[in-house]
Amino acid sequence: MKTIKIRFIKHGDKKYTLQRKGWFRWKNITYTIDMGYGSVTYDYSAETKEELLKEVLEKYYKADKRFIQVIEYSTISIY
């Protein structure tokens, strides 16, 4: 069973983003869209924590919640 350490970042009252624990610091979980002439990087975001966690586990980690142990750290609010 794989263990991941995450924390949610709340932006205002609207959305959440997610960070994972790296070796020396917290890193944003992002995805890249390549358009042929350049690429754009976006953060995974959602309206609720549950939606965001489900999307990240499915698309970034390519696994189900049954096979990953999630350790959640306290949420940071950015106004």
N, C-alpha and C. Protein backbone atom coordinates (compact mmCIF):
# COMPACT_ATOMS: atom_id res chain seq x y z
N MET A 1 0.85 -1.17 0.00
CA MET A 1 0.00 0.00 0.00
C MET A 1 0.90 1.23 0.00
N LYS A 2 0.63 2.14 -0.91
CA LYS A 2 1.41 3.37 -1.04
C LYS A 2 0.86 4.42 -0.09
N THR A 3 1.74 5.22 0.51
CA THR A 3 1.35 6.29 1.42
C THR A 3 1.71 7.63 0.80
N ILE A 4 0.75 8.55 0.76
CA ILE A 4 1.02 9.90 0.28
C ILE A 4 0.65 10.90 1.36
N LYS A 5 1.40 11.99 1.42
CA LYS A 5 1.15 13.06 2.38
C LYS A 5 0.73 14.28 1.59
N ILE A 6 -0.47 14.80 1.90
CA ILE A 6 -1.02 15.92 1.15
C ILE A 6 -1.52 17.00 2.09
N ARG A 7 -1.71 18.20 1.53
CA ARG A 7 -2.42 19.26 2.23
C ARG A 7 -3.20 20.07 1.21
N PHE A 8 -4.35 20.55 1.63
CA PHE A 8 -5.21 21.34 0.76
C PHE A 8 -4.92 22.82 0.96
N ILE A 9 -5.04 23.58 -0.12
CA ILE A 9 -4.91 25.03 -0.09
C ILE A 9 -6.26 25.60 -0.49
N LYS A 10 -6.86 26.40 0.38
CA LYS A 10 -8.17 27.00 0.09
C LYS A 10 -7.94 28.42 -0.41
N HIS A 11 -8.42 28.70 -1.63
CA HIS A 11 -8.28 30.01 -2.25
C HIS A 11 -9.59 30.77 -2.10
N GLY A 12 -9.63 31.73 -1.19
CA GLY A 12 -10.86 32.49 -0.96
C GLY A 12 -11.98 31.59 -0.49
N ASP A 13 -13.16 31.78 -1.07
CA ASP A 13 -14.31 30.94 -0.73
C ASP A 13 -14.68 29.98 -1.84
N LYS A 14 -13.90 29.97 -2.92
CA LYS A 14 -14.32 29.27 -4.13
C LYS A 14 -13.73 27.88 -4.30
N LYS A 15 -12.41 27.74 -4.32
CA LYS A 15 -11.83 26.48 -4.76
C LYS A 15 -10.69 26.01 -3.86
N TYR A 16 -10.34 24.74 -4.04
CA TYR A 16 -9.23 24.12 -3.35
C TYR A 16 -8.20 23.66 -4.37
N THR A 17 -6.92 23.73 -4.00
CA THR A 17 -5.84 23.09 -4.75
C THR A 17 -5.13 22.16 -3.79
N LEU A 18 -4.16 21.40 -4.31
CA LEU A 18 -3.55 20.34 -3.52
C LEU A 18 -2.04 20.39 -3.63
N GLN A 19 -1.35 20.10 -2.53
CA GLN A 19 0.11 19.99 -2.52
C GLN A 19 0.49 18.64 -1.94
N ARG A 20 1.64 18.12 -2.40
CA ARG A 20 2.15 16.86 -1.87
C ARG A 20 3.48 17.13 -1.18
N LYS A 21 3.81 16.28 -0.25
CA LYS A 21 5.05 16.42 0.51
C LYS A 21 6.19 15.82 -0.30
N GLY A 22 7.21 16.63 -0.59
CA GLY A 22 8.40 16.15 -1.29
C GLY A 22 9.51 15.90 -0.29
N TRP A 23 10.73 15.75 -0.77
CA TRP A 23 11.85 15.50 0.12
C TRP A 23 12.15 16.70 1.02
N PHE A 24 12.12 17.90 0.44
CA PHE A 24 12.52 19.08 1.20
C PHE A 24 11.43 20.13 1.33
N ARG A 25 10.36 20.04 0.56
CA ARG A 25 9.33 21.07 0.60
C ARG A 25 8.01 20.52 0.08
N TRP A 26 6.98 21.33 0.18
CA TRP A 26 5.68 21.00 -0.38
C TRP A 26 5.66 21.39 -1.85
N LYS A 27 5.12 20.52 -2.71
CA LYS A 27 5.07 20.76 -4.14
C LYS A 27 3.62 20.74 -4.63
N ASN A 28 3.27 21.68 -5.50
CA ASN A 28 1.93 21.71 -6.07
C ASN A 28 1.75 20.52 -7.01
N ILE A 29 0.55 19.97 -7.01
CA ILE A 29 0.22 18.89 -7.93
C ILE A 29 -0.40 19.55 -9.16
N THR A 30 0.26 19.40 -10.31
CA THR A 30 -0.14 20.08 -11.53
C THR A 30 -0.27 19.10 -12.69
N TYR A 31 -0.85 19.58 -13.77
CA TYR A 31 -0.88 18.85 -15.03
C TYR A 31 -0.50 19.81 -16.15
N THR A 32 0.04 19.28 -17.24
CA THR A 32 0.53 20.09 -18.35
C THR A 32 -0.26 19.78 -19.60
N ILE A 33 -0.64 20.83 -20.32
CA ILE A 33 -1.30 20.68 -21.61
C ILE A 33 -0.33 21.18 -22.67
N ASP A 34 0.02 20.29 -23.60
CA ASP A 34 0.94 20.64 -24.68
C ASP A 34 0.13 21.00 -25.91
N MET A 35 0.35 22.21 -26.44
CA MET A 35 -0.41 22.70 -27.58
C MET A 35 0.37 22.65 -28.88
N GLY A 36 1.55 22.04 -28.89
CA GLY A 36 2.34 21.95 -30.10
C GLY A 36 3.35 23.07 -30.23
N TYR A 37 2.94 24.28 -29.95
CA TYR A 37 3.83 25.44 -30.03
C TYR A 37 4.24 25.94 -28.66
N GLY A 38 3.77 25.30 -27.63
CA GLY A 38 4.10 25.66 -26.26
C GLY A 38 3.23 24.85 -25.31
N SER A 39 3.55 24.90 -24.05
CA SER A 39 2.78 24.15 -23.08
C SER A 39 2.33 25.06 -21.94
N VAL A 40 1.24 24.64 -21.30
CA VAL A 40 0.66 25.39 -20.20
C VAL A 40 0.51 24.44 -19.02
N THR A 41 0.86 24.90 -17.82
CA THR A 41 0.75 24.09 -16.62
C THR A 41 -0.34 24.66 -15.72
N TYR A 42 -1.24 23.81 -15.27
CA TYR A 42 -2.34 24.19 -14.39
C TYR A 42 -2.30 23.36 -13.12
N ASP A 43 -2.83 23.92 -12.03
CA ASP A 43 -3.03 23.17 -10.79
C ASP A 43 -4.35 22.42 -10.87
N TYR A 44 -4.40 21.23 -10.27
CA TYR A 44 -5.68 20.55 -10.11
C TYR A 44 -6.49 21.37 -9.11
N SER A 45 -7.76 21.63 -9.41
CA SER A 45 -8.60 22.40 -8.50
C SER A 45 -10.03 21.90 -8.58
N ALA A 46 -10.77 22.11 -7.48
CA ALA A 46 -12.17 21.71 -7.42
C ALA A 46 -12.87 22.51 -6.33
N GLU A 47 -14.18 22.41 -6.31
CA GLU A 47 -14.98 23.15 -5.34
C GLU A 47 -14.92 22.54 -3.94
N THR A 48 -14.79 21.21 -3.85
CA THR A 48 -14.74 20.54 -2.55
C THR A 48 -13.49 19.68 -2.45
N LYS A 49 -13.12 19.35 -1.23
CA LYS A 49 -11.94 18.52 -0.99
C LYS A 49 -12.12 17.11 -1.54
N GLU A 50 -13.32 16.57 -1.39
CA GLU A 50 -13.57 15.20 -1.83
C GLU A 50 -13.45 15.06 -3.35
N GLU A 51 -14.01 16.03 -4.09
CA GLU A 51 -13.91 16.01 -5.55
C GLU A 51 -12.46 16.12 -5.99
N LEU A 52 -11.71 17.01 -5.35
CA LEU A 52 -10.32 17.23 -5.71
C LEU A 52 -9.47 15.99 -5.43
N LEU A 53 -9.65 15.38 -4.28
CA LEU A 53 -8.89 14.19 -3.93
C LEU A 53 -9.19 13.05 -4.91
N LYS A 54 -10.46 12.88 -5.26
CA LYS A 54 -10.84 11.83 -6.21
C LYS A 54 -10.20 12.07 -7.57
N GLU A 55 -10.21 13.31 -8.04
CA GLU A 55 -9.62 13.64 -9.34
C GLU A 55 -8.11 13.43 -9.36
N VAL A 56 -7.43 13.85 -8.30
CA VAL A 56 -5.97 13.71 -8.23
C VAL A 56 -5.56 12.24 -8.15
N LEU A 57 -6.26 11.46 -7.34
CA LEU A 57 -5.93 10.04 -7.24
C LEU A 57 -6.16 9.33 -8.57
N GLU A 58 -7.20 9.71 -9.28
CA GLU A 58 -7.52 9.06 -10.55
C GLU A 58 -6.55 9.47 -11.66
N LYS A 59 -6.26 10.76 -11.79
CA LYS A 59 -5.49 11.25 -12.93
C LYS A 59 -3.99 11.38 -12.65
N TYR A 60 -3.60 11.81 -11.46
CA TYR A 60 -2.19 12.03 -11.17
C TYR A 60 -1.51 10.74 -10.68
N TYR A 61 -2.12 10.09 -9.68
CA TYR A 61 -1.53 8.87 -9.13
C TYR A 61 -1.98 7.61 -9.86
N LYS A 62 -3.04 7.69 -10.65
CA LYS A 62 -3.59 6.57 -11.42
C LYS A 62 -3.87 5.35 -10.53
N ALA A 63 -4.56 5.61 -9.45
CA ALA A 63 -4.92 4.55 -8.50
C ALA A 63 -6.24 4.90 -7.83
N ASP A 64 -6.78 3.95 -7.11
CA ASP A 64 -8.02 4.15 -6.37
C ASP A 64 -7.70 4.38 -4.90
N LYS A 65 -8.62 4.99 -4.18
CA LYS A 65 -8.41 5.30 -2.77
C LYS A 65 -8.24 4.04 -1.92
N ARG A 66 -8.72 2.92 -2.41
CA ARG A 66 -8.59 1.66 -1.67
C ARG A 66 -7.14 1.22 -1.57
N PHE A 67 -6.30 1.61 -2.53
CA PHE A 67 -4.92 1.14 -2.60
C PHE A 67 -3.89 2.16 -2.14
N ILE A 68 -4.34 3.34 -1.69
CA ILE A 68 -3.43 4.40 -1.26
C ILE A 68 -3.84 4.86 0.13
N GLN A 69 -2.87 4.96 1.02
CA GLN A 69 -3.11 5.52 2.34
C GLN A 69 -2.81 7.01 2.27
N VAL A 70 -3.79 7.85 2.60
CA VAL A 70 -3.65 9.30 2.49
C VAL A 70 -3.49 9.88 3.89
N ILE A 71 -2.39 10.61 4.09
CA ILE A 71 -2.16 11.34 5.34
C ILE A 71 -2.38 12.81 5.02
N GLU A 72 -3.42 13.41 5.63
CA GLU A 72 -3.77 14.78 5.34
C GLU A 72 -3.26 15.70 6.44
N TYR A 73 -2.53 16.72 6.01
CA TYR A 73 -2.05 17.76 6.92
C TYR A 73 -3.06 18.91 6.94
N SER A 74 -2.88 19.86 7.83
CA SER A 74 -3.85 20.94 8.00
C SER A 74 -3.96 21.80 6.74
N THR A 75 -5.15 22.34 6.51
CA THR A 75 -5.45 23.14 5.35
C THR A 75 -4.93 24.57 5.54
N ILE A 76 -4.41 25.15 4.45
CA ILE A 76 -3.93 26.53 4.45
C ILE A 76 -4.96 27.37 3.71
N SER A 77 -5.34 28.52 4.26
CA SER A 77 -6.27 29.43 3.61
C SER A 77 -5.53 30.62 3.03
N ILE A 78 -5.78 30.92 1.76
CA ILE A 78 -5.19 32.09 1.11
C ILE A 78 -6.33 33.01 0.74
N TYR A 79 -6.24 34.27 1.18
CA TYR A 79 -7.32 35.23 0.94
C TYR A 79 -6.95 36.17 -0.17
